[in-house]
Amino acid sequence: MAYYTAKVQLTTLTDTANGTKEKKATEMYLVEAMSVTEAEAKVVKDFQGVTIDFEVKAVTNSKIIKIID
């Protein structure tokens, strides 16, 4: 297994005095997986059922070797 970083863009709608406005935020996640494809699939599965719009922008191999508890 290896570690991958996944960049996810979240889009939320906020009500303002002038109407509804889209607000975008980018978050990074660390995923343990066998491949980039599996890492992306894990992120998508984790976000299932969430009402926020999201898009996985990138998944890259992480330089992290080991997580020590």
PDB file of N, CA and C in Angstrom:
ATOM      1  N   MET A   1       0.841  -1.183   0.000  1.00  0.00           N
ATOM      2  CA  MET A   1       0.000   0.000   0.000  1.00  0.00           C
ATOM      3  C   MET A   1       0.888   1.249   0.000  1.00  0.00           C
ATOM      4  N   ALA A   2       0.347   2.293  -0.579  1.00  0.00           N
ATOM      5  CA  ALA A   2       1.045   3.572  -0.637  1.00  0.00           C
ATOM      6  C   ALA A   2       0.075   4.670  -0.195  1.00  0.00           C
ATOM      7  N   TYR A   3       0.607   5.852  -0.012  1.00  0.00           N
ATOM      8  CA  TYR A   3      -0.222   6.995   0.371  1.00  0.00           C
ATOM      9  C   TYR A   3      -0.314   7.970  -0.791  1.00  0.00           C
ATOM     10  N   TYR A   4      -1.517   8.505  -0.989  1.00  0.00           N
ATOM     11  CA  TYR A   4      -1.786   9.457  -2.057  1.00  0.00           C
ATOM     12  C   TYR A   4      -2.476  10.682  -1.473  1.00  0.00           C
ATOM     13  N   THR A   5      -2.193  11.837  -2.049  1.00  0.00           N
ATOM     14  CA  THR A   5      -2.918  13.048  -1.659  1.00  0.00           C
ATOM     15  C   THR A   5      -3.969  13.333  -2.718  1.00  0.00           C
ATOM     16  N   ALA A   6      -5.162  13.608  -2.250  1.00  0.00           N
ATOM     17  CA  ALA A   6      -6.271  13.904  -3.156  1.00  0.00           C
ATOM     18  C   ALA A   6      -6.720  15.338  -2.922  1.00  0.00           C
ATOM     19  N   LYS A   7      -6.747  16.118  -3.998  1.00  0.00           N
ATOM     20  CA  LYS A   7      -7.209  17.503  -3.940  1.00  0.00           C
ATOM     21  C   LYS A   7      -8.672  17.503  -4.378  1.00  0.00           C
ATOM     22  N   VAL A   8      -9.565  17.951  -3.466  1.00  0.00           N
ATOM     23  CA  VAL A   8     -11.004  17.938  -3.718  1.00  0.00           C
ATOM     24  C   VAL A   8     -11.544  19.357  -3.639  1.00  0.00           C
ATOM     25  N   GLN A   9     -12.285  19.764  -4.667  1.00  0.00           N
ATOM     26  CA  GLN A   9     -12.906  21.089  -4.672  1.00  0.00           C
ATOM     27  C   GLN A   9     -14.366  20.943  -4.261  1.00  0.00           C
ATOM     28  N   LEU A  10     -14.738  21.659  -3.203  1.00  0.00           N
ATOM     29  CA  LEU A  10     -16.103  21.653  -2.690  1.00  0.00           C
ATOM     30  C   LEU A  10     -16.801  22.933  -3.109  1.00  0.00           C
ATOM     31  N   THR A  11     -18.064  22.819  -3.516  1.00  0.00           N
ATOM     32  CA  THR A  11     -18.847  23.981  -3.915  1.00  0.00           C
ATOM     33  C   THR A  11     -20.101  24.037  -3.055  1.00  0.00           C
ATOM     34  N   THR A  12     -20.255  25.147  -2.335  1.00  0.00           N
ATOM     35  CA  THR A  12     -21.445  25.337  -1.504  1.00  0.00           C
ATOM     36  C   THR A  12     -22.179  26.586  -1.957  1.00  0.00           C
ATOM     37  N   LEU A  13     -23.471  26.611  -1.725  1.00  0.00           N
ATOM     38  CA  LEU A  13     -24.288  27.780  -2.042  1.00  0.00           C
ATOM     39  C   LEU A  13     -24.583  28.530  -0.753  1.00  0.00           C
ATOM     40  N   THR A  14     -24.352  29.843  -0.769  1.00  0.00           N
ATOM     41  CA  THR A  14     -24.653  30.675   0.385  1.00  0.00           C
ATOM     42  C   THR A  14     -25.607  31.778  -0.029  1.00  0.00           C
ATOM     43  N   ASP A  15     -26.555  32.074   0.850  1.00  0.00           N
ATOM     44  CA  ASP A  15     -27.505  33.153   0.588  1.00  0.00           C
ATOM     45  C   ASP A  15     -26.892  34.476   1.010  1.00  0.00           C
ATOM     46  N   THR A  16     -26.970  35.470   0.127  1.00  0.00           N
ATOM     47  CA  THR A  16     -26.485  36.813   0.422  1.00  0.00           C
ATOM     48  C   THR A  16     -27.627  37.803   0.193  1.00  0.00           C
ATOM     49  N   ALA A  17     -27.376  39.041   0.474  1.00  0.00           N
ATOM     50  CA  ALA A  17     -28.397  40.069   0.275  1.00  0.00           C
ATOM     51  C   ALA A  17     -28.741  40.226  -1.210  1.00  0.00           C
ATOM     52  N   ASN A  18     -27.795  39.892  -2.079  1.00  0.00           N
ATOM     53  CA  ASN A  18     -27.999  40.012  -3.524  1.00  0.00           C
ATOM     54  C   ASN A  18     -28.425  38.706  -4.179  1.00  0.00           C
ATOM     55  N   GLY A  19     -28.728  37.682  -3.397  1.00  0.00           N
ATOM     56  CA  GLY A  19     -29.132  36.394  -3.958  1.00  0.00           C
ATOM     57  C   GLY A  19     -28.219  35.281  -3.490  1.00  0.00           C
ATOM     58  N   THR A  20     -28.184  34.220  -4.246  1.00  0.00           N
ATOM     59  CA  THR A  20     -27.365  33.057  -3.897  1.00  0.00           C
ATOM     60  C   THR A  20     -26.010  33.149  -4.590  1.00  0.00           C
ATOM     61  N   LYS A  21     -24.958  32.793  -3.827  1.00  0.00           N
ATOM     62  CA  LYS A  21     -23.603  32.868  -4.356  1.00  0.00           C
ATOM     63  C   LYS A  21     -22.907  31.524  -4.133  1.00  0.00           C
ATOM     64  N   GLU A  22     -22.143  31.089  -5.138  1.00  0.00           N
ATOM     65  CA  GLU A  22     -21.343  29.876  -5.005  1.00  0.00           C
ATOM     66  C   GLU A  22     -20.039  30.192  -4.284  1.00  0.00           C
ATOM     67  N   LYS A  23     -19.689  29.325  -3.338  1.00  0.00           N
ATOM     68  CA  LYS A  23     -18.422  29.472  -2.637  1.00  0.00           C
ATOM     69  C   LYS A  23     -17.643  28.180  -2.845  1.00  0.00           C
ATOM     70  N   LYS A  24     -16.406  28.300  -3.325  1.00  0.00           N
ATOM     71  CA  LYS A  24     -15.577  27.132  -3.601  1.00  0.00           C
ATOM     72  C   LYS A  24     -14.422  27.071  -2.612  1.00  0.00           C
ATOM     73  N   ALA A  25     -14.143  25.869  -2.165  1.00  0.00           N
ATOM     74  CA  ALA A  25     -13.023  25.632  -1.264  1.00  0.00           C
ATOM     75  C   ALA A  25     -12.304  24.380  -1.722  1.00  0.00           C
ATOM     76  N   THR A  26     -10.996  24.362  -1.553  1.00  0.00           N
ATOM     77  CA  THR A  26     -10.201  23.192  -1.914  1.00  0.00           C
ATOM     78  C   THR A  26      -9.638  22.569  -0.647  1.00  0.00           C
ATOM     79  N   GLU A  27      -9.818  21.253  -0.532  1.00  0.00           N
ATOM     80  CA  GLU A  27      -9.324  20.516   0.629  1.00  0.00           C
ATOM     81  C   GLU A  27      -8.415  19.395   0.153  1.00  0.00           C
ATOM     82  N   MET A  28      -7.448  19.033   0.991  1.00  0.00           N
ATOM     83  CA  MET A  28      -6.514  17.952   0.676  1.00  0.00           C
ATOM     84  C   MET A  28      -6.782  16.780   1.621  1.00  0.00           C
ATOM     85  N   TYR A  29      -6.763  15.587   1.062  1.00  0.00           N
ATOM     86  CA  TYR A  29      -6.988  14.365   1.834  1.00  0.00           C
ATOM     87  C   TYR A  29      -5.840  13.404   1.600  1.00  0.00           C
ATOM     88  N   LEU A  30      -5.469  12.659   2.639  1.00  0.00           N
ATOM     89  CA  LEU A  30      -4.449  11.625   2.534  1.00  0.00           C
ATOM     90  C   LEU A  30      -5.177  10.287   2.462  1.00  0.00           C
ATOM     91  N   VAL A  31      -4.871   9.500   1.427  1.00  0.00           N
ATOM     92  CA  VAL A  31      -5.578   8.253   1.175  1.00  0.00           C
ATOM     93  C   VAL A  31      -4.572   7.119   1.074  1.00  0.00           C
ATOM     94  N   GLU A  32      -4.850   6.007   1.757  1.00  0.00           N
ATOM     95  CA  GLU A  32      -4.020   4.818   1.629  1.00  0.00           C
ATOM     96  C   GLU A  32      -4.665   3.918   0.578  1.00  0.00           C
ATOM     97  N   ALA A  33      -3.922   3.602  -0.480  1.00  0.00           N
ATOM     98  CA  ALA A  33      -4.473   2.809  -1.575  1.00  0.00           C
ATOM     99  C   ALA A  33      -3.344   2.132  -2.346  1.00  0.00           C
ATOM    100  N   MET A  34      -3.750   1.241  -3.266  1.00  0.00           N
ATOM    101  CA  MET A  34      -2.784   0.530  -4.107  1.00  0.00           C
ATOM    102  C   MET A  34      -2.440   1.305  -5.377  1.00  0.00           C
ATOM    103  N   SER A  35      -3.351   2.220  -5.799  1.00  0.00           N
ATOM    104  CA  SER A  35      -3.122   2.963  -7.034  1.00  0.00           C
ATOM    105  C   SER A  35      -3.847   4.300  -6.978  1.00  0.00           C
ATOM    106  N   VAL A  36      -3.555   5.151  -7.945  1.00  0.00           N
ATOM    107  CA  VAL A  36      -4.228   6.449  -8.050  1.00  0.00           C
ATOM    108  C   VAL A  36      -5.729   6.236  -8.256  1.00  0.00           C
ATOM    109  N   THR A  37      -6.070   5.277  -9.099  1.00  0.00           N
ATOM    110  CA  THR A  37      -7.477   4.999  -9.394  1.00  0.00           C
ATOM    111  C   THR A  37      -8.224   4.565  -8.148  1.00  0.00           C
ATOM    112  N   GLU A  38      -7.613   3.694  -7.353  1.00  0.00           N
ATOM    113  CA  GLU A  38      -8.250   3.234  -6.119  1.00  0.00           C
ATOM    114  C   GLU A  38      -8.381   4.387  -5.119  1.00  0.00           C
ATOM    115  N   ALA A  39      -7.387   5.244  -5.048  1.00  0.00           N
ATOM    116  CA  ALA A  39      -7.443   6.391  -4.140  1.00  0.00           C
ATOM    117  C   ALA A  39      -8.594   7.315  -4.516  1.00  0.00           C
ATOM    118  N   GLU A  40      -8.760   7.595  -5.816  1.00  0.00           N
ATOM    119  CA  GLU A  40      -9.864   8.443  -6.258  1.00  0.00           C
ATOM    120  C   GLU A  40     -11.208   7.788  -5.945  1.00  0.00           C
ATOM    121  N   ALA A  41     -11.313   6.494  -6.164  1.00  0.00           N
ATOM    122  CA  ALA A  41     -12.555   5.775  -5.878  1.00  0.00           C
ATOM    123  C   ALA A  41     -12.895   5.838  -4.390  1.00  0.00           C
ATOM    124  N   LYS A  42     -11.891   5.756  -3.531  1.00  0.00           N
ATOM    125  CA  LYS A  42     -12.126   5.835  -2.085  1.00  0.00           C
ATOM    126  C   LYS A  42     -12.648   7.221  -1.691  1.00  0.00           C
ATOM    127  N   VAL A  43     -12.108   8.257  -2.305  1.00  0.00           N
ATOM    128  CA  VAL A  43     -12.566   9.614  -2.008  1.00  0.00           C
ATOM    129  C   VAL A  43     -14.017   9.787  -2.451  1.00  0.00           C
ATOM    130  N   VAL A  44     -14.326   9.338  -3.654  1.00  0.00           N
ATOM    131  CA  VAL A  44     -15.694   9.453  -4.170  1.00  0.00           C
ATOM    132  C   VAL A  44     -16.659   8.686  -3.267  1.00  0.00           C
ATOM    133  N   LYS A  45     -16.276   7.494  -2.835  1.00  0.00           N
ATOM    134  CA  LYS A  45     -17.124   6.689  -1.946  1.00  0.00           C
ATOM    135  C   LYS A  45     -17.341   7.402  -0.612  1.00  0.00           C
ATOM    136  N   ASP A  46     -16.293   8.046  -0.104  1.00  0.00           N
ATOM    137  CA  ASP A  46     -16.399   8.757   1.170  1.00  0.00           C
ATOM    138  C   ASP A  46     -17.376   9.928   1.088  1.00  0.00           C
ATOM    139  N   PHE A  47     -17.474  10.556  -0.072  1.00  0.00           N
ATOM    140  CA  PHE A  47     -18.350  11.712  -0.246  1.00  0.00           C
ATOM    141  C   PHE A  47     -19.778  11.331  -0.646  1.00  0.00           C
ATOM    142  N   GLN A  48     -20.055  10.056  -0.897  1.00  0.00           N
ATOM    143  CA  GLN A  48     -21.404   9.645  -1.267  1.00  0.00           C
ATOM    144  C   GLN A  48     -22.364   9.964  -0.132  1.00  0.00           C
ATOM    145  N   GLY A  49     -23.530  10.494  -0.497  1.00  0.00           N
ATOM    146  CA  GLY A  49     -24.541  10.841   0.496  1.00  0.00           C
ATOM    147  C   GLY A  49     -24.392  12.245   1.057  1.00  0.00           C
ATOM    148  N   VAL A  50     -23.326  12.937   0.712  1.00  0.00           N
ATOM    149  CA  VAL A  50     -23.109  14.309   1.173  1.00  0.00           C
ATOM    150  C   VAL A  50     -23.815  15.248   0.195  1.00  0.00           C
ATOM    151  N   THR A  51     -24.478  16.257   0.712  1.00  0.00           N
ATOM    152  CA  THR A  51     -25.247  17.159  -0.145  1.00  0.00           C
ATOM    153  C   THR A  51     -24.399  18.251  -0.793  1.00  0.00           C
ATOM    154  N   ILE A  52     -23.132  18.319  -0.473  1.00  0.00           N
ATOM    155  CA  ILE A  52     -22.236  19.324  -1.045  1.00  0.00           C
ATOM    156  C   ILE A  52     -21.717  18.819  -2.389  1.00  0.00           C
ATOM    157  N   ASP A  53     -21.685  19.700  -3.389  1.00  0.00           N
ATOM    158  CA  ASP A  53     -21.087  19.342  -4.677  1.00  0.00           C
ATOM    159  C   ASP A  53     -19.569  19.269  -4.504  1.00  0.00           C
ATOM    160  N   PHE A  54     -18.967  18.241  -5.095  1.00  0.00           N
ATOM    161  CA  PHE A  54     -17.515  18.094  -4.994  1.00  0.00           C
ATOM    162  C   PHE A  54     -16.959  17.576  -6.314  1.00  0.00           C
ATOM    163  N   GLU A  55     -15.669  17.818  -6.493  1.00  0.00           N
ATOM    164  CA  GLU A  55     -14.967  17.303  -7.667  1.00  0.00           C
ATOM    165  C   GLU A  55     -13.538  16.969  -7.252  1.00  0.00           C
ATOM    166  N   VAL A  56     -13.109  15.762  -7.565  1.00  0.00           N
ATOM    167  CA  VAL A  56     -11.728  15.371  -7.298  1.00  0.00           C
ATOM    168  C   VAL A  56     -10.876  15.993  -8.400  1.00  0.00           C
ATOM    169  N   LYS A  57     -10.057  16.958  -8.035  1.00  0.00           N
ATOM    170  CA  LYS A  57      -9.256  17.700  -9.004  1.00  0.00           C
ATOM    171  C   LYS A  57      -7.950  16.984  -9.351  1.00  0.00           C
ATOM    172  N   ALA A  58      -7.333  16.328  -8.356  1.00  0.00           N
ATOM    173  CA  ALA A  58      -6.053  15.669  -8.615  1.00  0.00           C
ATOM    174  C   ALA A  58      -5.781  14.634  -7.537  1.00  0.00           C
ATOM    175  N   VAL A  59      -5.094  13.579  -7.932  1.00  0.00           N
ATOM    176  CA  VAL A  59      -4.594  12.574  -6.989  1.00  0.00           C
ATOM    177  C   VAL A  59      -3.137  12.338  -7.354  1.00  0.00           C
ATOM    178  N   THR A  60      -2.267  12.515  -6.378  1.00  0.00           N
ATOM    179  CA  THR A  60      -0.836  12.348  -6.636  1.00  0.00           C
ATOM    180  C   THR A  60      -0.208  11.462  -5.565  1.00  0.00           C
ATOM    181  N   ASN A  61       0.899  10.849  -5.929  1.00  0.00           N
ATOM    182  CA  ASN A  61       1.628  10.005  -4.997  1.00  0.00           C
ATOM    183  C   ASN A  61       2.224  10.877  -3.893  1.00  0.00           C
ATOM    184  N   SER A  62       2.054  10.455  -2.659  1.00  0.00           N
ATOM    185  CA  SER A  62       2.572  11.212  -1.520  1.00  0.00           C
ATOM    186  C   SER A  62       3.979  10.742  -1.174  1.00  0.00           C
ATOM    187  N   LYS A  63       4.766  11.630  -0.606  1.00  0.00           N
ATOM    188  CA  LYS A  63       6.105  11.269  -0.154  1.00  0.00           C
ATOM    189  C   LYS A  63       6.084  10.657   1.243  1.00  0.00           C
ATOM    190  N   ILE A  64       4.911  10.615   1.845  1.00  0.00           N
ATOM    191  CA  ILE A  64       4.783  10.034   3.186  1.00  0.00           C
ATOM    192  C   ILE A  64       5.039   8.520   3.091  1.00  0.00           C
ATOM    193  N   ILE A  65       5.900   8.021   3.924  1.00  0.00           N
ATOM    194  CA  ILE A  65       6.278   6.609   3.903  1.00  0.00           C
ATOM    195  C   ILE A  65       5.435   5.804   4.894  1.00  0.00           C
ATOM    196  N   LYS A  66       5.199   6.402   6.073  1.00  0.00           N
ATOM    197  CA  LYS A  66       4.545   5.651   7.135  1.00  0.00           C
ATOM    198  C   LYS A  66       3.854   6.612   8.082  1.00  0.00           C
ATOM    199  N   ILE A  67       2.704   6.182   8.584  1.00  0.00           N
ATOM    200  CA  ILE A  67       2.009   6.953   9.607  1.00  0.00           C
ATOM    201  C   ILE A  67       2.249   6.246  10.937  1.00  0.00           C
ATOM    202  N   ILE A  68       2.769   6.984  11.888  1.00  0.00           N
ATOM    203  CA  ILE A  68       3.081   6.420  13.201  1.00  0.00           C
ATOM    204  C   ILE A  68       2.013   6.898  14.177  1.00  0.00           C
ATOM    205  N   ASP A  69       1.334   5.933  14.794  1.00  0.00           N
ATOM    206  CA  ASP A  69       0.276   6.273  15.769  1.00  0.00           C
ATOM    207  C   ASP A  69       0.862   6.616  17.113  1.00  0.00           C
TER     208      ASP A  69
END
